[in-house]
Structures are given as C-alpha cells and as structure tokens.
C-alpha cells in the first residue's frame, strides 16, 4: 500500500482539489489529501499526503510558509487578485522606500481580514459561494503571523511612482497573501491587489524538490509510484528510532503504551519513531515521565 507525502509543484490553473483528484487517478488510490489550499492562479509547493500520511495534513498545514508575490498598486478587484473584476482604481503617489516603511505595520502577530473570495465558511456556506451568488457579508478579522516581508524587486511608472513590487513573505498558518497586497496598497494611500503568487516553501518541503503531476504519472506508468513519495517515518527524521522486542510487537501495532524494557533501544530521548521488531514503522511515541512509559502521540499504521 502507498503511504507517504509527495511534494507536488502545483501549476497554474489547477485548484488544490484538482491536484488531489488527478493523483487519485494516477495512483488508483482514494485516500489522498493536500496540506493547504493554493489559489488556481498560484503556483508552487503543495505537499500531498497519501494513505495513513493524511494524518499529517493538519500538522503540515500549520508549518511556516514562504511565498513570493507580486503586488500591483492602484487597482483593487473583488477577488483581491488580477483574475477578478476591477472595483476601484486610485492614483499612486509613493515609491519603494514608502513601501518598505509600511512593512513593519504588517509584521508580527496581526489581525487580517480574509478575502470574500475564500473557502472560509459563514453560516455553513463558503464565502466564495456567497460572493458568486452576488451576496456580501461582513468578514471577521482573524489573527495571523507574518514573520517577515522583504522587497525583492519593483517597477515604477513613467512618473516615478510605484507600479508593482515583488515581495517575499514568511508567514504562519491562515495568512492570505492577496489580502496582504490589498492592505499594503491601502497603507500607501492607494489600493492594491495580487498579480502573481508562488509558494517557495512549507515546512521542510521546498520548491527545488517539488515535482509536477506529469512526473508522478510517468513514474506510475513505469511501475515506480513510490519514486517521489517521502515515507512517513522520514518526515520525522529528527527523532531517533526505537524497536519493540518481538514478543511486544502486538503492543506497538495496537498503539499501546510501551515500557523501556519492551523496546530494544536504550532510552536517550523523549520522542521516538516507534517500529516493530521487523522494522515496520508504527507511529510517534513520547515518554510520559509520570508513568515512566512511552505513550503514542500519533499512529501511522499502513492502510
């Protein structure tokens, strides 16, 4: 059975759901989930979990992310990116130095208003469904964390005013880069929207090692569907391994607590990757000082 994570390079035009659907067809396996939505116009890193690795989806979604985006100033749209309908245009009377000054305002723990065209639910309906139906709603601000914003490049108009800027954003879970581009424009006394977006990194997964759906399809045709799949235990490579003694294999396979004398490894750490005596990965165990036992934190038995 296939269990693990593929670092997919999401191409423009695909939704994250499209990627999952195509992988189900390629791998002939239904139990697949992605780790964080990317808009259809966006590209970049999209880790996809397969089989028992879907238990990692929430963990990976919470990881720090790095994006490169192009903010376009003087134009606002209903979707907050250039794919939407223009709802406002304003003159731009600032330069790149002014932009760098306002970065500080949006760095750290901030409150951000998500876009109306988003998958956030309100009264059981996704906001984008309400927006497409022509309805409006008051979207509540949400706490997000932006660790840093860097100016990589910029373009000015004929009058020397800022036209667009390429920025690198390092942020936490739930941050909308579209909304950041909107807010940067407003902070500069104009308006703004997002022109481009690429996710460079999420957690341990980087753009340089991402593969396209076509790469995975070719590997599957060649009988090597696991070629691009990171095994679940390697995801936790920072933790040492421990193995149960043969007579205690049933305990670890059932997710029972383990005593130190039931494993073959000398205890040197609080968290371990737990395997049975035949080297089958079972889950992550954490030492409980109170009971002097290793207790399961997350089990990953093969599907």
C-alpha atoms as a PDB file:
ATOM      1  CA  UNK A   1       0.000   0.000   0.000  1.00  0.00           C
ATOM      2  CA  UNK A   2       1.129   3.585  -0.666  1.00  0.00           C
ATOM      3  CA  UNK A   3       1.722   5.723   2.417  1.00  0.00           C
ATOM      4  CA  UNK A   4       3.726   8.948   2.405  1.00  0.00           C
ATOM      5  CA  UNK A   5       3.977  12.505   1.127  1.00  0.00           C
ATOM      6  CA  UNK A   6       4.614  13.853  -2.359  1.00  0.00           C
ATOM      7  CA  UNK A   7       5.965  17.372  -2.741  1.00  0.00           C
ATOM      8  CA  UNK A   8       3.876  18.463  -5.725  1.00  0.00           C
ATOM      9  CA  UNK A   9       4.618  21.556  -7.794  1.00  0.00           C
ATOM     10  CA  UNK A  10       1.143  22.972  -8.336  1.00  0.00           C
ATOM     11  CA  UNK A  11       0.914  24.509 -11.755  1.00  0.00           C
ATOM     12  CA  UNK A  12      -1.208  27.499 -12.671  1.00  0.00           C
ATOM     13  CA  UNK A  13      -4.845  26.776 -13.490  1.00  0.00           C
ATOM     14  CA  UNK A  14      -5.228  23.841 -11.110  1.00  0.00           C
ATOM     15  CA  UNK A  15      -7.039  24.066  -7.806  1.00  0.00           C
ATOM     16  CA  UNK A  16      -5.574  22.140  -4.870  1.00  0.00           C
ATOM     17  CA  UNK A  17      -8.611  19.855  -5.149  1.00  0.00           C
ATOM     18  CA  UNK A  18      -7.769  19.261  -8.832  1.00  0.00           C
ATOM     19  CA  UNK A  19      -4.310  18.076  -7.812  1.00  0.00           C
ATOM     20  CA  UNK A  20      -5.765  15.602  -5.329  1.00  0.00           C
ATOM     21  CA  UNK A  21      -8.292  14.332  -7.884  1.00  0.00           C
ATOM     22  CA  UNK A  22      -5.615  13.832 -10.549  1.00  0.00           C
ATOM     23  CA  UNK A  23      -3.341  11.991  -8.106  1.00  0.00           C
ATOM     24  CA  UNK A  24      -6.190   9.671  -7.174  1.00  0.00           C
ATOM     25  CA  UNK A  25      -6.476   8.780 -10.837  1.00  0.00           C
ATOM     26  CA  UNK A  26      -2.727   8.399 -11.319  1.00  0.00           C
ATOM     27  CA  UNK A  27      -2.140   6.261  -8.229  1.00  0.00           C
ATOM     28  CA  UNK A  28      -5.534   4.494  -8.269  1.00  0.00           C
ATOM     29  CA  UNK A  29      -5.848   5.287  -4.591  1.00  0.00           C
ATOM     30  CA  UNK A  30      -8.597   7.341  -2.930  1.00  0.00           C
ATOM     31  CA  UNK A  31      -7.165   8.187   0.461  1.00  0.00           C
ATOM     32  CA  UNK A  32      -5.286  11.372  -0.510  1.00  0.00           C
ATOM     33  CA  UNK A  33      -5.367  14.901   0.910  1.00  0.00           C
ATOM     34  CA  UNK A  34      -3.479  18.169   0.449  1.00  0.00           C
ATOM     35  CA  UNK A  35      -1.889  20.267   3.175  1.00  0.00           C
ATOM     36  CA  UNK A  36      -3.004  23.788   2.360  1.00  0.00           C
ATOM     37  CA  UNK A  37      -5.037  25.424  -0.376  1.00  0.00           C
ATOM     38  CA  UNK A  38      -3.367  27.348  -3.183  1.00  0.00           C
ATOM     39  CA  UNK A  39      -5.490  29.537  -5.476  1.00  0.00           C
ATOM     40  CA  UNK A  40      -5.812  28.411  -9.114  1.00  0.00           C
ATOM     41  CA  UNK A  41      -3.612  31.298 -10.293  1.00  0.00           C
ATOM     42  CA  UNK A  42      -0.903  30.430  -7.746  1.00  0.00           C
ATOM     43  CA  UNK A  43       1.976  28.027  -8.298  1.00  0.00           C
ATOM     44  CA  UNK A  44       4.467  26.277  -6.082  1.00  0.00           C
ATOM     45  CA  UNK A  45       4.867  23.818  -3.262  1.00  0.00           C
ATOM     46  CA  UNK A  46       1.827  21.704  -2.361  1.00  0.00           C
ATOM     47  CA  UNK A  47       2.641  18.680  -0.186  1.00  0.00           C
ATOM     48  CA  UNK A  48       0.068  15.933  -0.729  1.00  0.00           C
ATOM     49  CA  UNK A  49      -0.447  13.178   1.840  1.00  0.00           C
ATOM     50  CA  UNK A  50      -1.295   9.626   0.816  1.00  0.00           C
ATOM     51  CA  UNK A  51      -2.755   6.761   2.844  1.00  0.00           C
ATOM     52  CA  UNK A  52      -2.044   6.914   6.566  1.00  0.00           C
ATOM     53  CA  UNK A  53       0.064  10.039   5.928  1.00  0.00           C
ATOM     54  CA  UNK A  54      -3.212  12.005   5.691  1.00  0.00           C
ATOM     55  CA  UNK A  55      -2.953  12.184   9.484  1.00  0.00           C
ATOM     56  CA  UNK A  56      -0.147  14.660   8.834  1.00  0.00           C
ATOM     57  CA  UNK A  57      -2.307  17.120   6.891  1.00  0.00           C
ATOM     58  CA  UNK A  58      -3.156  19.304   9.893  1.00  0.00           C
ATOM     59  CA  UNK A  59       0.429  19.206  11.155  1.00  0.00           C
ATOM     60  CA  UNK A  60       1.864  20.288   7.809  1.00  0.00           C
ATOM     61  CA  UNK A  61      -0.785  22.967   7.263  1.00  0.00           C
ATOM     62  CA  UNK A  62       0.372  24.608  10.485  1.00  0.00           C
ATOM     63  CA  UNK A  63       4.010  24.867   9.324  1.00  0.00           C
ATOM     64  CA  UNK A  64       5.732  28.137   8.415  1.00  0.00           C
ATOM     65  CA  UNK A  65       5.424  29.071   4.735  1.00  0.00           C
ATOM     66  CA  UNK A  66       7.444  31.231   2.361  1.00  0.00           C
ATOM     67  CA  UNK A  67       5.830  32.961  -0.621  1.00  0.00           C
ATOM     68  CA  UNK A  68       6.984  35.217  -3.421  1.00  0.00           C
ATOM     69  CA  UNK A  69       4.278  37.512  -4.714  1.00  0.00           C
ATOM     70  CA  UNK A  70       3.864  40.497  -6.988  1.00  0.00           C
ATOM     71  CA  UNK A  71       1.668  43.265  -5.586  1.00  0.00           C
ATOM     72  CA  UNK A  72       0.062  45.585  -8.140  1.00  0.00           C
ATOM     73  CA  UNK A  73      -0.804  49.061  -6.862  1.00  0.00           C
ATOM     74  CA  UNK A  74      -3.554  51.470  -7.891  1.00  0.00           C
ATOM     75  CA  UNK A  75      -6.045  48.718  -8.723  1.00  0.00           C
ATOM     76  CA  UNK A  76      -8.487  46.846  -6.480  1.00  0.00           C
ATOM     77  CA  UNK A  77     -10.559  43.821  -7.549  1.00  0.00           C
ATOM     78  CA  UNK A  78     -13.376  41.831  -5.985  1.00  0.00           C
ATOM     79  CA  UNK A  79     -11.125  38.744  -5.634  1.00  0.00           C
ATOM     80  CA  UNK A  80      -8.111  40.778  -4.476  1.00  0.00           C
ATOM     81  CA  UNK A  81      -6.045  39.407  -7.374  1.00  0.00           C
ATOM     82  CA  UNK A  82      -5.833  40.224 -11.074  1.00  0.00           C
ATOM     83  CA  UNK A  83      -8.276  37.458 -12.024  1.00  0.00           C
ATOM     84  CA  UNK A  84     -11.150  39.402 -10.508  1.00  0.00           C
ATOM     85  CA  UNK A  85     -13.359  42.292 -11.562  1.00  0.00           C
ATOM     86  CA  UNK A  86     -11.830  45.745 -11.114  1.00  0.00           C
ATOM     87  CA  UNK A  87     -13.866  47.599  -8.487  1.00  0.00           C
ATOM     88  CA  UNK A  88     -11.620  50.602  -7.898  1.00  0.00           C
ATOM     89  CA  UNK A  89      -8.643  52.468  -9.322  1.00  0.00           C
ATOM     90  CA  UNK A  90      -6.688  55.134  -7.489  1.00  0.00           C
ATOM     91  CA  UNK A  91      -3.566  57.187  -8.229  1.00  0.00           C
ATOM     92  CA  UNK A  92      -0.286  56.032  -6.705  1.00  0.00           C
ATOM     93  CA  UNK A  93       1.922  58.703  -5.148  1.00  0.00           C
ATOM     94  CA  UNK A  94       4.583  56.657  -3.370  1.00  0.00           C
ATOM     95  CA  UNK A  95       7.831  54.877  -4.100  1.00  0.00           C
ATOM     96  CA  UNK A  96       9.653  51.737  -2.954  1.00  0.00           C
ATOM     97  CA  UNK A  97      11.003  53.449   0.164  1.00  0.00           C
ATOM     98  CA  UNK A  98       7.471  54.194   1.312  1.00  0.00           C
ATOM     99  CA  UNK A  99       6.559  50.540   0.751  1.00  0.00           C
ATOM    100  CA  UNK A 100       9.429  49.252   2.875  1.00  0.00           C
ATOM    101  CA  UNK A 101       8.363  51.601   5.678  1.00  0.00           C
ATOM    102  CA  UNK A 102       4.859  50.092   5.868  1.00  0.00           C
ATOM    103  CA  UNK A 103       6.165  46.507   6.015  1.00  0.00           C
ATOM    104  CA  UNK A 104       6.657  46.903   9.762  1.00  0.00           C
ATOM    105  CA  UNK A 105       2.944  47.557  10.217  1.00  0.00           C
ATOM    106  CA  UNK A 106       2.162  44.093   8.837  1.00  0.00           C
ATOM    107  CA  UNK A 107       4.938  42.134  10.517  1.00  0.00           C
ATOM    108  CA  UNK A 108       4.368  40.080  13.655  1.00  0.00           C
ATOM    109  CA  UNK A 109       1.057  38.936  15.130  1.00  0.00           C
ATOM    110  CA  UNK A 110      -1.582  40.941  13.285  1.00  0.00           C
ATOM    111  CA  UNK A 111      -5.304  40.868  12.565  1.00  0.00           C
ATOM    112  CA  UNK A 112      -6.142  40.284   8.894  1.00  0.00           C
ATOM    113  CA  UNK A 113      -9.459  40.446   7.069  1.00  0.00           C
ATOM    114  CA  UNK A 114      -9.639  37.459   4.682  1.00  0.00           C
ATOM    115  CA  UNK A 115     -10.899  37.965   1.124  1.00  0.00           C
ATOM    116  CA  UNK A 116     -14.565  37.467   0.318  1.00  0.00           C
ATOM    117  CA  UNK A 117     -13.473  35.005  -2.353  1.00  0.00           C
ATOM    118  CA  UNK A 118     -12.113  32.388   0.056  1.00  0.00           C
ATOM    119  CA  UNK A 119     -13.077  28.966   1.397  1.00  0.00           C
ATOM    120  CA  UNK A 120     -13.809  30.284   4.887  1.00  0.00           C
ATOM    121  CA  UNK A 121     -17.300  29.258   5.974  1.00  0.00           C
ATOM    122  CA  UNK A 122     -20.010  31.581   7.234  1.00  0.00           C
ATOM    123  CA  UNK A 123     -23.268  30.010   8.428  1.00  0.00           C
ATOM    124  CA  UNK A 124     -22.337  26.779   6.684  1.00  0.00           C
ATOM    125  CA  UNK A 125     -21.582  28.430   3.334  1.00  0.00           C
ATOM    126  CA  UNK A 126     -18.160  29.111   1.866  1.00  0.00           C
ATOM    127  CA  UNK A 127     -17.546  32.816   1.346  1.00  0.00           C
ATOM    128  CA  UNK A 128     -16.727  32.380  -2.345  1.00  0.00           C
ATOM    129  CA  UNK A 129     -20.109  30.683  -2.834  1.00  0.00           C
ATOM    130  CA  UNK A 130     -21.838  33.718  -1.338  1.00  0.00           C
ATOM    131  CA  UNK A 131     -19.691  36.064  -3.452  1.00  0.00           C
ATOM    132  CA  UNK A 132     -20.513  34.221  -6.671  1.00  0.00           C
ATOM    133  CA  UNK A 133     -24.197  34.438  -5.796  1.00  0.00           C
ATOM    134  CA  UNK A 134     -23.839  38.203  -5.579  1.00  0.00           C
ATOM    135  CA  UNK A 135     -24.183  38.315  -1.801  1.00  0.00           C
ATOM    136  CA  UNK A 136     -21.949  40.257   0.540  1.00  0.00           C
ATOM    137  CA  UNK A 137     -21.041  39.501   4.127  1.00  0.00           C
ATOM    138  CA  UNK A 138     -19.005  41.082   6.864  1.00  0.00           C
ATOM    139  CA  UNK A 139     -15.833  39.048   7.123  1.00  0.00           C
ATOM    140  CA  UNK A 140     -14.368  38.999  10.605  1.00  0.00           C
ATOM    141  CA  UNK A 141     -10.684  39.709  11.083  1.00  0.00           C
ATOM    142  CA  UNK A 142      -8.520  36.754  12.067  1.00  0.00           C
ATOM    143  CA  UNK A 143      -5.177  36.558  13.847  1.00  0.00           C
ATOM    144  CA  UNK A 144      -2.238  35.610  11.615  1.00  0.00           C
ATOM    145  CA  UNK A 145       1.517  35.786  11.994  1.00  0.00           C
ATOM    146  CA  UNK A 146       3.828  37.313   9.399  1.00  0.00           C
ATOM    147  CA  UNK A 147       7.451  36.792  10.347  1.00  0.00           C
ATOM    148  CA  UNK A 148       8.998  38.941   7.629  1.00  0.00           C
ATOM    149  CA  UNK A 149       8.323  40.829   4.397  1.00  0.00           C
ATOM    150  CA  UNK A 150      11.186  41.557   2.018  1.00  0.00           C
ATOM    151  CA  UNK A 151      11.230  43.721  -1.092  1.00  0.00           C
ATOM    152  CA  UNK A 152      12.905  41.752  -3.897  1.00  0.00           C
ATOM    153  CA  UNK A 153      12.212  43.976  -6.902  1.00  0.00           C
ATOM    154  CA  UNK A 154       9.926  46.764  -8.033  1.00  0.00           C
ATOM    155  CA  UNK A 155       8.714  48.616 -11.098  1.00  0.00           C
ATOM    156  CA  UNK A 156       7.826  52.291 -11.393  1.00  0.00           C
ATOM    157  CA  UNK A 157       5.543  54.125 -13.795  1.00  0.00           C
ATOM    158  CA  UNK A 158       6.657  56.952 -16.088  1.00  0.00           C
ATOM    159  CA  UNK A 159       6.228  59.475 -13.275  1.00  0.00           C
ATOM    160  CA  UNK A 160       8.480  57.556 -10.899  1.00  0.00           C
ATOM    161  CA  UNK A 161       5.678  56.222  -8.734  1.00  0.00           C
ATOM    162  CA  UNK A 162       5.496  52.629  -7.554  1.00  0.00           C
ATOM    163  CA  UNK A 163       3.608  50.441 -10.013  1.00  0.00           C
ATOM    164  CA  UNK A 164       4.255  46.951  -8.668  1.00  0.00           C
ATOM    165  CA  UNK A 165       6.579  45.167  -6.260  1.00  0.00           C
ATOM    166  CA  UNK A 166       7.865  41.639  -5.870  1.00  0.00           C
ATOM    167  CA  UNK A 167       7.954  40.625  -2.219  1.00  0.00           C
ATOM    168  CA  UNK A 168       8.974  37.576  -0.208  1.00  0.00           C
ATOM    169  CA  UNK A 169       6.697  36.778   2.721  1.00  0.00           C
ATOM    170  CA  UNK A 170       7.453  34.339   5.528  1.00  0.00           C
ATOM    171  CA  UNK A 171       4.287  33.646   7.460  1.00  0.00           C
ATOM    172  CA  UNK A 172       2.230  31.265   9.558  1.00  0.00           C
ATOM    173  CA  UNK A 173      -0.986  29.355   9.006  1.00  0.00           C
ATOM    174  CA  UNK A 174      -4.027  31.107   7.559  1.00  0.00           C
ATOM    175  CA  UNK A 175      -2.271  34.133   6.057  1.00  0.00           C
ATOM    176  CA  UNK A 176      -3.795  35.410   2.811  1.00  0.00           C
ATOM    177  CA  UNK A 177      -1.170  36.994   0.573  1.00  0.00           C
ATOM    178  CA  UNK A 178      -3.920  38.501  -1.570  1.00  0.00           C
ATOM    179  CA  UNK A 179      -5.192  40.352   1.473  1.00  0.00           C
ATOM    180  CA  UNK A 180      -1.681  41.459   2.368  1.00  0.00           C
ATOM    181  CA  UNK A 181      -1.295  43.017  -1.101  1.00  0.00           C
ATOM    182  CA  UNK A 182      -4.636  44.763  -0.600  1.00  0.00           C
ATOM    183  CA  UNK A 183      -3.598  46.059   2.817  1.00  0.00           C
ATOM    184  CA  UNK A 184      -0.193  47.235   1.614  1.00  0.00           C
ATOM    185  CA  UNK A 185      -1.912  49.298  -1.063  1.00  0.00           C
ATOM    186  CA  UNK A 186      -4.292  50.861   1.439  1.00  0.00           C
ATOM    187  CA  UNK A 187      -1.425  51.632   3.830  1.00  0.00           C
ATOM    188  CA  UNK A 188       0.274  53.512   0.978  1.00  0.00           C
ATOM    189  CA  UNK A 189      -2.801  55.676   0.455  1.00  0.00           C
ATOM    190  CA  UNK A 190      -3.964  53.886  -2.672  1.00  0.00           C
ATOM    191  CA  UNK A 191      -5.282  50.377  -3.338  1.00  0.00           C
ATOM    192  CA  UNK A 192      -3.722  47.123  -4.425  1.00  0.00           C
ATOM    193  CA  UNK A 193      -4.183  43.542  -5.480  1.00  0.00           C
ATOM    194  CA  UNK A 194      -2.053  40.466  -6.124  1.00  0.00           C
ATOM    195  CA  UNK A 195      -0.623  39.898  -9.596  1.00  0.00           C
ATOM    196  CA  UNK A 196       1.434  36.719  -9.034  1.00  0.00           C
ATOM    197  CA  UNK A 197       1.963  34.182  -6.271  1.00  0.00           C
ATOM    198  CA  UNK A 198       4.335  31.252  -5.814  1.00  0.00           C
ATOM    199  CA  UNK A 199       4.776  29.225  -2.649  1.00  0.00           C
ATOM    200  CA  UNK A 200       8.500  28.586  -2.234  1.00  0.00           C
ATOM    201  CA  UNK A 201       8.436  26.524   0.913  1.00  0.00           C
ATOM    202  CA  UNK A 202       6.133  24.991   3.514  1.00  0.00           C
ATOM    203  CA  UNK A 203       7.685  23.257   6.478  1.00  0.00           C
ATOM    204  CA  UNK A 204      10.509  21.036   5.187  1.00  0.00           C
ATOM    205  CA  UNK A 205       9.213  20.981   1.588  1.00  0.00           C
ATOM    206  CA  UNK A 206      10.933  23.317  -0.874  1.00  0.00           C
ATOM    207  CA  UNK A 207      10.350  24.404  -4.452  1.00  0.00           C
ATOM    208  CA  UNK A 208      13.623  22.869  -5.662  1.00  0.00           C
ATOM    209  CA  UNK A 209      12.451  19.345  -4.818  1.00  0.00           C
ATOM    210  CA  UNK A 210       8.817  19.688  -5.956  1.00  0.00           C
ATOM    211  CA  UNK A 211       7.640  17.509  -8.863  1.00  0.00           C
ATOM    212  CA  UNK A 212       4.863  18.026 -11.393  1.00  0.00           C
ATOM    213  CA  UNK A 213       1.855  15.766 -11.747  1.00  0.00           C
ATOM    214  CA  UNK A 214       3.270  14.633 -15.091  1.00  0.00           C
ATOM    215  CA  UNK A 215       6.417  13.391 -13.307  1.00  0.00           C
ATOM    216  CA  UNK A 216       4.333  11.319 -10.910  1.00  0.00           C
ATOM    217  CA  UNK A 217       2.224   9.959 -13.781  1.00  0.00           C
ATOM    218  CA  UNK A 218       5.343   8.860 -15.656  1.00  0.00           C
ATOM    219  CA  UNK A 219       6.750   7.146 -12.548  1.00  0.00           C
ATOM    220  CA  UNK A 220       3.453   5.313 -12.033  1.00  0.00           C
ATOM    221  CA  UNK A 221       3.437   4.152 -15.676  1.00  0.00           C
ATOM    222  CA  UNK A 222       6.943   2.786 -15.158  1.00  0.00           C
ATOM    223  CA  UNK A 223       5.816   0.858 -12.088  1.00  0.00           C
ATOM    224  CA  UNK A 224       7.606   3.139  -9.621  1.00  0.00           C
ATOM    225  CA  UNK A 225       4.774   5.112  -7.973  1.00  0.00           C
ATOM    226  CA  UNK A 226       6.832   5.387  -4.763  1.00  0.00           C
ATOM    227  CA  UNK A 227       9.690   7.183  -6.569  1.00  0.00           C
ATOM    228  CA  UNK A 228       8.640  10.631  -5.388  1.00  0.00           C
ATOM    229  CA  UNK A 229       6.951   9.635  -2.148  1.00  0.00           C
ATOM    230  CA  UNK A 230       8.594  10.580   1.141  1.00  0.00           C
ATOM    231  CA  UNK A 231       7.942   7.770   3.654  1.00  0.00           C
ATOM    232  CA  UNK A 232       6.117   8.911   6.775  1.00  0.00           C
ATOM    233  CA  UNK A 233       8.926   7.976   9.143  1.00  0.00           C
ATOM    234  CA  UNK A 234      11.391  10.130   7.189  1.00  0.00           C
ATOM    235  CA  UNK A 235       9.088  13.102   7.783  1.00  0.00           C
ATOM    236  CA  UNK A 236      10.051  12.694  11.446  1.00  0.00           C
ATOM    237  CA  UNK A 237      13.750  12.136  10.755  1.00  0.00           C
ATOM    238  CA  UNK A 238      14.799  14.388  13.642  1.00  0.00           C
ATOM    239  CA  UNK A 239      13.550  11.773  16.120  1.00  0.00           C
ATOM    240  CA  UNK A 240      15.597   8.659  16.934  1.00  0.00           C
ATOM    241  CA  UNK A 241      14.223   5.191  16.225  1.00  0.00           C
ATOM    242  CA  UNK A 242      13.166   2.544  18.710  1.00  0.00           C
ATOM    243  CA  UNK A 243      12.165  -1.061  18.042  1.00  0.00           C
ATOM    244  CA  UNK A 244       9.990  -3.362  20.088  1.00  0.00           C
ATOM    245  CA  UNK A 245      11.144  -6.792  21.102  1.00  0.00           C
ATOM    246  CA  UNK A 246       9.338  -9.481  19.043  1.00  0.00           C
ATOM    247  CA  UNK A 247       7.078 -10.542  21.907  1.00  0.00           C
ATOM    248  CA  UNK A 248       5.787  -6.968  22.223  1.00  0.00           C
ATOM    249  CA  UNK A 249       5.067  -6.264  18.533  1.00  0.00           C
ATOM    250  CA  UNK A 250       1.345  -6.545  19.159  1.00  0.00           C
ATOM    251  CA  UNK A 251       1.504  -3.713  21.678  1.00  0.00           C
ATOM    252  CA  UNK A 252       3.040  -1.191  19.304  1.00  0.00           C
ATOM    253  CA  UNK A 253       0.809  -2.252  16.410  1.00  0.00           C
ATOM    254  CA  UNK A 254      -2.245  -1.656  18.599  1.00  0.00           C
ATOM    255  CA  UNK A 255      -0.975   1.713  19.793  1.00  0.00           C
ATOM    256  CA  UNK A 256      -0.471   0.609  23.397  1.00  0.00           C
ATOM    257  CA  UNK A 257       1.967   2.329  25.774  1.00  0.00           C
ATOM    258  CA  UNK A 258       5.441   0.800  25.942  1.00  0.00           C
ATOM    259  CA  UNK A 259       7.827   0.294  28.833  1.00  0.00           C
ATOM    260  CA  UNK A 260      11.550   0.795  28.408  1.00  0.00           C
ATOM    261  CA  UNK A 261      12.150  -2.934  28.862  1.00  0.00           C
ATOM    262  CA  UNK A 262       9.787  -3.699  25.957  1.00  0.00           C
ATOM    263  CA  UNK A 263      11.988  -1.949  23.394  1.00  0.00           C
ATOM    264  CA  UNK A 264      15.496  -2.766  22.238  1.00  0.00           C
ATOM    265  CA  UNK A 265      16.750   0.821  22.247  1.00  0.00           C
ATOM    266  CA  UNK A 266      18.332   2.464  25.255  1.00  0.00           C
ATOM    267  CA  UNK A 267      16.198   5.449  26.263  1.00  0.00           C
ATOM    268  CA  UNK A 268      18.019   8.701  25.434  1.00  0.00           C
ATOM    269  CA  UNK A 269      15.250  10.969  24.235  1.00  0.00           C
ATOM    270  CA  UNK A 270      11.644  11.941  24.955  1.00  0.00           C
ATOM    271  CA  UNK A 271      10.267  11.344  21.464  1.00  0.00           C
ATOM    272  CA  UNK A 272      10.866   8.314  19.238  1.00  0.00           C
ATOM    273  CA  UNK A 273       9.849   6.863  15.918  1.00  0.00           C
ATOM    274  CA  UNK A 274       8.453   3.500  17.001  1.00  0.00           C
ATOM    275  CA  UNK A 275       8.917   0.371  14.856  1.00  0.00           C
ATOM    276  CA  UNK A 276       8.051  -3.257  15.451  1.00  0.00           C
ATOM    277  CA  UNK A 277      10.786  -5.898  15.543  1.00  0.00           C
ATOM    278  CA  UNK A 278      10.561  -6.296  11.745  1.00  0.00           C
ATOM    279  CA  UNK A 279      11.258  -2.571  11.143  1.00  0.00           C
ATOM    280  CA  UNK A 280       7.675  -1.651  10.227  1.00  0.00           C
ATOM    281  CA  UNK A 281       7.028   1.968  11.209  1.00  0.00           C
ATOM    282  CA  UNK A 282       4.060   2.285  13.558  1.00  0.00           C
ATOM    283  CA  UNK A 283       3.999   5.785  14.976  1.00  0.00           C
ATOM    284  CA  UNK A 284       5.439   8.511  17.152  1.00  0.00           C
ATOM    285  CA  UNK A 285       5.836   7.782  20.869  1.00  0.00           C
ATOM    286  CA  UNK A 286       6.560  10.300  23.632  1.00  0.00           C
ATOM    287  CA  UNK A 287       7.925   9.446  27.060  1.00  0.00           C
ATOM    288  CA  UNK A 288       5.480  10.113  29.897  1.00  0.00           C
ATOM    289  CA  UNK A 289       7.590  10.946  32.931  1.00  0.00           C
ATOM    290  CA  UNK A 290       4.680  10.460  35.310  1.00  0.00           C
ATOM    291  CA  UNK A 291       4.015   6.847  34.362  1.00  0.00           C
ATOM    292  CA  UNK A 292       7.525   6.037  33.136  1.00  0.00           C
ATOM    293  CA  UNK A 293       6.158   4.765  29.830  1.00  0.00           C
ATOM    294  CA  UNK A 294       6.246   5.723  26.177  1.00  0.00           C
ATOM    295  CA  UNK A 295       2.765   6.741  25.036  1.00  0.00           C
ATOM    296  CA  UNK A 296       1.597   7.013  21.409  1.00  0.00           C
ATOM    297  CA  UNK A 297       1.297  10.569  20.146  1.00  0.00           C
ATOM    298  CA  UNK A 298       0.270   9.704  16.579  1.00  0.00           C
ATOM    299  CA  UNK A 299      -0.095   6.304  14.945  1.00  0.00           C
ATOM    300  CA  UNK A 300       0.536   5.662  11.244  1.00  0.00           C
ATOM    301  CA  UNK A 301      -0.429   2.065  10.600  1.00  0.00           C
ATOM    302  CA  UNK A 302      -0.479   1.268   6.866  1.00  0.00           C
ATOM    303  CA  UNK A 303      -3.802   1.401   5.030  1.00  0.00           C
END
